[in-house]
Each structure stands twice: as structure tokens, then as C-alpha cells.
């Protein structure tokens, strides 16, 4: 389940995706929709992988409604980074999260004791 909505991604990226004006809005006519949906899925996966990164931590069962605000913000920050660096091969190869994103997510990880 994705952690943010198309509407939140649209607001974060300031794309002004074209919608039908309904409730909920239908953005299927906008050619950027598929790319934004892929970025939402990738950002959600990155957040969940980071949180589950400690030994045998299960992924949290959050959705768009229950995700904590810091996790929502971290997901939006990742999407903004993806959008800014889309198409750059070097950016895709880096494979790490920014310090700001890690700071937002760190409290949701279980500590490991030796």
C-alpha cells in the first residue's frame, strides 16, 4: 500500500496534474501520471526498506490514512528527489537516502543490541 496519495505528490511536486474535477479527482488523462505513480511506489518501498532494515523488523502496516507525519514527509522528500533527478543514470545508481530523510525515519527503526 502506498504511503501517500497522487494528490499529495502532485502538491509536493507542483505539477498541476490535469484532473477531471471530480471527487476524488481522476488524473488518468495526464501523461505524467504513470511516472508519478512509479515514483510513489519506489519512495514507499525505500521508506519501508529503511525502516525494516534492522534485524527481522517487519514492515509497518501503514497506508495513506495511518502513516505518521514524519514518514509521510520523508516519502514526499524522496519523491521530490526522484522527480528532480529523473533520467539521470548517476542519480539512480547512488541508492541511498539523504540525511534529512534518514533523520525523519530513524525513530521508526528497532535498535539492534549486541
N, C-alpha and C. Protein backbone atom coordinates (compact mmCIF):
# COMPACT_ATOMS: atom_id res chain seq x y z
N UNK A 1 0.85 -1.17 0.00
CA UNK A 1 0.00 0.00 0.00
C UNK A 1 0.90 1.23 0.00
N UNK A 2 0.62 2.16 -0.87
CA UNK A 2 1.39 3.40 -0.95
C UNK A 2 1.16 4.26 0.29
N UNK A 3 2.18 5.04 0.65
CA UNK A 3 2.11 5.87 1.85
C UNK A 3 1.58 7.26 1.59
N UNK A 4 1.53 7.68 0.34
CA UNK A 4 0.98 9.00 0.03
C UNK A 4 0.06 8.88 -1.19
N UNK A 5 -0.76 9.87 -1.36
CA UNK A 5 -1.71 9.88 -2.46
C UNK A 5 -1.14 10.61 -3.67
N UNK A 6 -1.79 10.43 -4.81
CA UNK A 6 -1.44 11.18 -6.01
C UNK A 6 -1.57 12.68 -5.74
N UNK A 7 -2.60 13.06 -5.01
CA UNK A 7 -2.83 14.48 -4.71
C UNK A 7 -1.67 15.07 -3.92
N UNK A 8 -1.16 14.31 -2.93
CA UNK A 8 -0.03 14.79 -2.14
C UNK A 8 1.23 14.91 -2.99
N UNK A 9 1.46 13.93 -3.84
CA UNK A 9 2.62 14.00 -4.74
C UNK A 9 2.47 15.17 -5.70
N UNK A 10 1.28 15.38 -6.21
CA UNK A 10 1.00 16.49 -7.12
C UNK A 10 1.30 17.83 -6.43
N UNK A 11 0.88 17.96 -5.18
CA UNK A 11 1.14 19.20 -4.43
C UNK A 11 2.64 19.37 -4.15
N UNK A 12 3.30 18.29 -3.74
CA UNK A 12 4.73 18.36 -3.42
C UNK A 12 5.56 18.76 -4.64
N UNK A 13 5.22 18.19 -5.78
CA UNK A 13 6.00 18.42 -7.00
C UNK A 13 5.52 19.66 -7.77
N UNK A 14 4.39 20.21 -7.35
CA UNK A 14 3.80 21.38 -8.01
C UNK A 14 3.61 21.12 -9.52
N UNK A 15 3.03 19.96 -9.82
CA UNK A 15 2.85 19.56 -11.21
C UNK A 15 1.57 20.09 -11.82
N UNK A 16 0.57 20.36 -11.00
CA UNK A 16 -0.75 20.71 -11.50
C UNK A 16 -1.24 19.67 -12.50
N UNK A 17 -1.22 18.40 -12.04
CA UNK A 17 -1.73 17.32 -12.89
C UNK A 17 -3.16 17.66 -13.31
N UNK A 18 -3.47 17.35 -14.53
CA UNK A 18 -4.81 17.64 -15.04
C UNK A 18 -5.79 16.60 -14.52
N UNK A 19 -6.84 17.07 -13.85
CA UNK A 19 -7.84 16.16 -13.32
C UNK A 19 -9.19 16.47 -13.95
N UNK A 20 -10.13 15.57 -13.70
CA UNK A 20 -11.48 15.74 -14.23
C UNK A 20 -12.34 16.65 -13.35
N UNK A 21 -11.79 17.07 -12.20
CA UNK A 21 -12.53 17.94 -11.29
C UNK A 21 -13.50 17.21 -10.39
N UNK A 22 -13.54 15.88 -10.49
CA UNK A 22 -14.44 15.10 -9.65
C UNK A 22 -13.88 14.89 -8.26
N UNK A 23 -14.62 14.15 -7.47
CA UNK A 23 -14.19 13.83 -6.11
C UNK A 23 -14.30 12.33 -5.91
N UNK A 24 -13.22 11.59 -5.78
CA UNK A 24 -11.84 12.05 -5.85
C UNK A 24 -11.45 12.38 -7.28
N UNK A 25 -10.44 13.22 -7.43
CA UNK A 25 -10.04 13.61 -8.79
C UNK A 25 -9.51 12.43 -9.59
N UNK A 26 -9.76 12.46 -10.86
CA UNK A 26 -9.25 11.44 -11.79
C UNK A 26 -8.17 12.10 -12.64
N UNK A 27 -6.93 11.64 -12.46
CA UNK A 27 -5.80 12.21 -13.19
C UNK A 27 -5.40 11.36 -14.40
N UNK A 28 -6.22 10.38 -14.77
CA UNK A 28 -5.83 9.42 -15.80
C UNK A 28 -5.57 10.06 -17.16
N UNK A 29 -6.04 11.27 -17.38
CA UNK A 29 -5.78 11.93 -18.66
C UNK A 29 -4.43 12.61 -18.75
N UNK A 30 -3.69 12.69 -17.64
CA UNK A 30 -2.39 13.37 -17.63
C UNK A 30 -1.28 12.37 -17.94
N UNK A 31 -0.43 12.70 -18.90
CA UNK A 31 0.61 11.75 -19.33
C UNK A 31 1.69 11.53 -18.27
N UNK A 32 1.77 12.40 -17.28
CA UNK A 32 2.78 12.26 -16.22
C UNK A 32 2.34 11.32 -15.11
N UNK A 33 1.08 10.90 -15.12
CA UNK A 33 0.53 10.11 -14.02
C UNK A 33 1.30 8.81 -13.80
N UNK A 34 1.60 8.08 -14.84
CA UNK A 34 2.29 6.79 -14.68
C UNK A 34 3.66 6.98 -14.03
N UNK A 35 4.37 8.03 -14.41
CA UNK A 35 5.69 8.28 -13.83
C UNK A 35 5.57 8.64 -12.34
N UNK A 36 4.59 9.46 -12.00
CA UNK A 36 4.37 9.83 -10.60
C UNK A 36 3.98 8.61 -9.78
N UNK A 37 3.14 7.74 -10.32
CA UNK A 37 2.75 6.52 -9.61
C UNK A 37 3.96 5.61 -9.37
N UNK A 38 4.84 5.50 -10.36
CA UNK A 38 6.07 4.69 -10.17
C UNK A 38 6.94 5.30 -9.07
N UNK A 39 7.03 6.62 -9.03
CA UNK A 39 7.84 7.28 -8.00
C UNK A 39 7.24 7.09 -6.61
N UNK A 40 5.92 7.14 -6.51
CA UNK A 40 5.26 6.90 -5.22
C UNK A 40 5.57 5.48 -4.74
N UNK A 41 5.46 4.51 -5.63
CA UNK A 41 5.74 3.12 -5.26
C UNK A 41 7.20 2.95 -4.86
N UNK A 42 8.12 3.56 -5.59
CA UNK A 42 9.54 3.44 -5.28
C UNK A 42 9.87 4.12 -3.95
N UNK A 43 9.29 5.30 -3.71
CA UNK A 43 9.54 6.01 -2.45
C UNK A 43 8.96 5.23 -1.28
N UNK A 44 7.78 4.68 -1.44
CA UNK A 44 7.18 3.86 -0.40
C UNK A 44 8.08 2.67 -0.09
N UNK A 45 8.58 2.02 -1.13
CA UNK A 45 9.48 0.87 -0.94
C UNK A 45 10.76 1.27 -0.23
N UNK A 46 11.33 2.42 -0.58
CA UNK A 46 12.56 2.88 0.07
C UNK A 46 12.34 3.14 1.55
N UNK A 47 11.21 3.77 1.88
CA UNK A 47 10.89 4.05 3.28
C UNK A 47 10.70 2.74 4.04
N UNK A 48 9.93 1.84 3.50
CA UNK A 48 9.68 0.57 4.18
C UNK A 48 10.95 -0.25 4.33
N UNK A 49 11.81 -0.25 3.31
CA UNK A 49 13.07 -0.98 3.40
C UNK A 49 13.97 -0.39 4.47
N UNK A 50 14.03 0.93 4.55
CA UNK A 50 14.87 1.57 5.57
C UNK A 50 14.38 1.23 6.97
N UNK A 51 13.07 1.31 7.18
CA UNK A 51 12.52 1.02 8.49
C UNK A 51 12.70 -0.45 8.85
N UNK A 52 12.56 -1.33 7.88
CA UNK A 52 12.70 -2.77 8.12
C UNK A 52 14.16 -3.21 8.09
N UNK A 53 15.09 -2.27 7.96
CA UNK A 53 16.50 -2.58 7.79
C UNK A 53 17.19 -3.24 8.96
N UNK A 54 16.65 -3.13 10.14
CA UNK A 54 17.26 -3.80 11.27
C UNK A 54 16.82 -5.26 11.29
N UNK A 55 17.46 -6.03 12.10
CA UNK A 55 17.26 -7.48 12.12
C UNK A 55 15.80 -7.84 12.36
N UNK A 56 15.23 -8.54 11.41
CA UNK A 56 13.89 -9.13 11.49
C UNK A 56 12.79 -8.16 11.90
N UNK A 57 12.90 -6.93 11.51
CA UNK A 57 11.82 -5.97 11.76
C UNK A 57 10.81 -6.10 10.64
N UNK A 58 9.57 -6.31 10.99
CA UNK A 58 8.53 -6.39 9.97
C UNK A 58 8.20 -5.00 9.46
N UNK A 59 7.80 -4.95 8.20
CA UNK A 59 7.38 -3.67 7.63
C UNK A 59 6.12 -3.20 8.33
N UNK A 60 6.04 -1.93 8.66
CA UNK A 60 4.82 -1.42 9.30
C UNK A 60 3.62 -1.54 8.35
N UNK A 61 2.47 -1.66 8.92
CA UNK A 61 1.25 -1.79 8.12
C UNK A 61 0.54 -0.46 8.02
N UNK A 62 1.24 0.55 7.51
CA UNK A 62 0.66 1.87 7.31
C UNK A 62 0.05 1.97 5.94
N UNK A 63 -0.87 2.89 5.79
CA UNK A 63 -1.41 3.24 4.49
C UNK A 63 -1.50 4.76 4.43
N UNK A 64 -2.13 5.27 3.40
CA UNK A 64 -2.23 6.73 3.20
C UNK A 64 -2.91 7.42 4.38
N UNK A 65 -3.77 6.72 5.08
CA UNK A 65 -4.52 7.31 6.20
C UNK A 65 -3.79 7.22 7.53
N UNK A 66 -2.99 6.17 7.74
CA UNK A 66 -2.40 5.92 9.05
C UNK A 66 -0.92 6.23 9.16
N UNK A 67 -0.29 6.58 8.07
CA UNK A 67 1.16 6.84 8.10
C UNK A 67 1.46 8.06 8.99
N UNK A 68 2.46 7.94 9.88
CA UNK A 68 2.81 9.08 10.73
C UNK A 68 3.35 10.25 9.91
N UNK A 69 3.10 11.48 10.35
CA UNK A 69 3.54 12.65 9.58
C UNK A 69 5.03 12.67 9.21
N UNK A 70 5.97 12.27 10.10
CA UNK A 70 7.37 12.28 9.68
C UNK A 70 7.66 11.29 8.54
N UNK A 71 6.98 10.16 8.55
CA UNK A 71 7.17 9.17 7.50
C UNK A 71 6.56 9.68 6.19
N UNK A 72 5.41 10.34 6.30
CA UNK A 72 4.78 10.95 5.12
C UNK A 72 5.73 11.98 4.50
N UNK A 73 6.33 12.83 5.34
CA UNK A 73 7.23 13.86 4.84
C UNK A 73 8.47 13.23 4.20
N UNK A 74 9.02 12.20 4.81
CA UNK A 74 10.18 11.53 4.24
C UNK A 74 9.84 10.96 2.86
N UNK A 75 8.67 10.38 2.72
CA UNK A 75 8.23 9.82 1.44
C UNK A 75 8.10 10.93 0.40
N UNK A 76 7.53 12.06 0.79
CA UNK A 76 7.41 13.19 -0.14
C UNK A 76 8.78 13.74 -0.54
N UNK A 77 9.72 13.76 0.41
CA UNK A 77 11.07 14.24 0.10
C UNK A 77 11.75 13.32 -0.91
N UNK A 78 11.55 12.03 -0.76
CA UNK A 78 12.14 11.07 -1.71
C UNK A 78 11.54 11.27 -3.09
N UNK A 79 10.23 11.45 -3.16
CA UNK A 79 9.58 11.67 -4.46
C UNK A 79 10.11 12.94 -5.11
N UNK A 80 10.27 14.00 -4.34
CA UNK A 80 10.81 15.24 -4.89
C UNK A 80 12.22 15.02 -5.44
N UNK A 81 13.02 14.22 -4.73
CA UNK A 81 14.37 13.92 -5.20
C UNK A 81 14.31 13.11 -6.50
N UNK A 82 13.43 12.10 -6.53
CA UNK A 82 13.26 11.31 -7.76
C UNK A 82 12.88 12.22 -8.92
N UNK A 83 11.94 13.12 -8.69
CA UNK A 83 11.47 13.99 -9.78
C UNK A 83 12.59 14.91 -10.27
N UNK A 84 13.32 15.46 -9.33
CA UNK A 84 14.40 16.38 -9.69
C UNK A 84 15.51 15.69 -10.48
N UNK A 85 15.75 14.42 -10.17
CA UNK A 85 16.85 13.69 -10.79
C UNK A 85 16.39 12.64 -11.80
N UNK A 86 15.16 12.72 -12.25
CA UNK A 86 14.66 11.71 -13.18
C UNK A 86 15.49 11.71 -14.46
N UNK A 87 15.78 10.52 -14.92
CA UNK A 87 16.54 10.36 -16.15
C UNK A 87 18.04 10.44 -15.98
N UNK A 88 18.53 10.73 -14.80
CA UNK A 88 19.97 10.80 -14.57
C UNK A 88 20.46 9.43 -14.12
N UNK A 89 21.32 8.83 -14.91
CA UNK A 89 21.81 7.49 -14.57
C UNK A 89 22.59 7.50 -13.26
N UNK A 90 23.40 8.53 -13.01
CA UNK A 90 24.19 8.59 -11.79
C UNK A 90 23.28 8.65 -10.57
N UNK A 91 22.18 9.37 -10.67
CA UNK A 91 21.26 9.51 -9.54
C UNK A 91 20.62 8.17 -9.20
N UNK A 92 20.29 7.40 -10.21
CA UNK A 92 19.66 6.11 -9.97
C UNK A 92 20.64 5.13 -9.33
N UNK A 93 21.92 5.28 -9.63
CA UNK A 93 22.92 4.35 -9.12
C UNK A 93 23.33 4.64 -7.69
N UNK A 94 23.05 5.84 -7.17
CA UNK A 94 23.51 6.20 -5.84
C UNK A 94 22.90 5.31 -4.76
N UNK A 95 21.61 5.07 -4.82
CA UNK A 95 20.96 4.12 -3.94
C UNK A 95 21.03 4.42 -2.46
N UNK A 96 20.98 5.67 -2.05
CA UNK A 96 20.97 5.99 -0.63
C UNK A 96 19.96 7.10 -0.37
N UNK A 97 19.59 7.21 0.89
CA UNK A 97 18.65 8.25 1.30
C UNK A 97 19.42 9.42 1.89
N UNK A 98 18.88 10.61 1.76
CA UNK A 98 19.53 11.79 2.31
C UNK A 98 19.52 11.74 3.84
N UNK A 99 20.40 12.53 4.43
CA UNK A 99 20.46 12.60 5.89
C UNK A 99 19.13 13.09 6.47
N UNK A 100 18.48 14.02 5.79
CA UNK A 100 17.20 14.54 6.28
C UNK A 100 16.13 13.44 6.30
N UNK A 101 16.09 12.64 5.25
CA UNK A 101 15.12 11.54 5.19
C UNK A 101 15.42 10.53 6.29
N UNK A 102 16.69 10.18 6.45
CA UNK A 102 17.07 9.23 7.50
C UNK A 102 16.71 9.76 8.88
N UNK A 103 16.90 11.05 9.09
CA UNK A 103 16.56 11.64 10.39
C UNK A 103 15.07 11.51 10.67
N UNK A 104 14.25 11.69 9.66
CA UNK A 104 12.80 11.55 9.85
C UNK A 104 12.39 10.11 10.13
N UNK A 105 13.09 9.16 9.54
CA UNK A 105 12.70 7.75 9.63
C UNK A 105 13.37 7.00 10.78
N UNK A 106 14.48 7.50 11.26
CA UNK A 106 15.30 6.73 12.20
C UNK A 106 14.52 6.28 13.44
N UNK A 107 13.67 7.09 13.96
CA UNK A 107 12.94 6.73 15.18
C UNK A 107 11.98 5.56 15.00
N UNK A 108 11.67 5.21 13.76
CA UNK A 108 10.74 4.11 13.49
C UNK A 108 11.44 2.77 13.33
N UNK A 109 12.77 2.77 13.46
CA UNK A 109 13.53 1.53 13.36
C UNK A 109 13.73 0.95 14.76
N UNK A 110 13.80 -0.36 14.82
CA UNK A 110 14.11 -1.02 16.11
C UNK A 110 15.62 -1.03 16.27
N UNK A 111 16.12 -0.65 17.44
CA UNK A 111 17.58 -0.72 17.65
C UNK A 111 18.04 -2.18 17.74
N UNK A 112 19.28 -2.39 17.38
CA UNK A 112 19.89 -3.71 17.46
C UNK A 112 20.82 -3.74 18.65
N UNK A 113 20.66 -4.72 19.49
CA UNK A 113 21.55 -4.88 20.65
C UNK A 113 22.52 -6.02 20.39
N UNK A 114 23.77 -5.79 20.74
CA UNK A 114 24.79 -6.82 20.51
C UNK A 114 24.86 -7.76 21.68
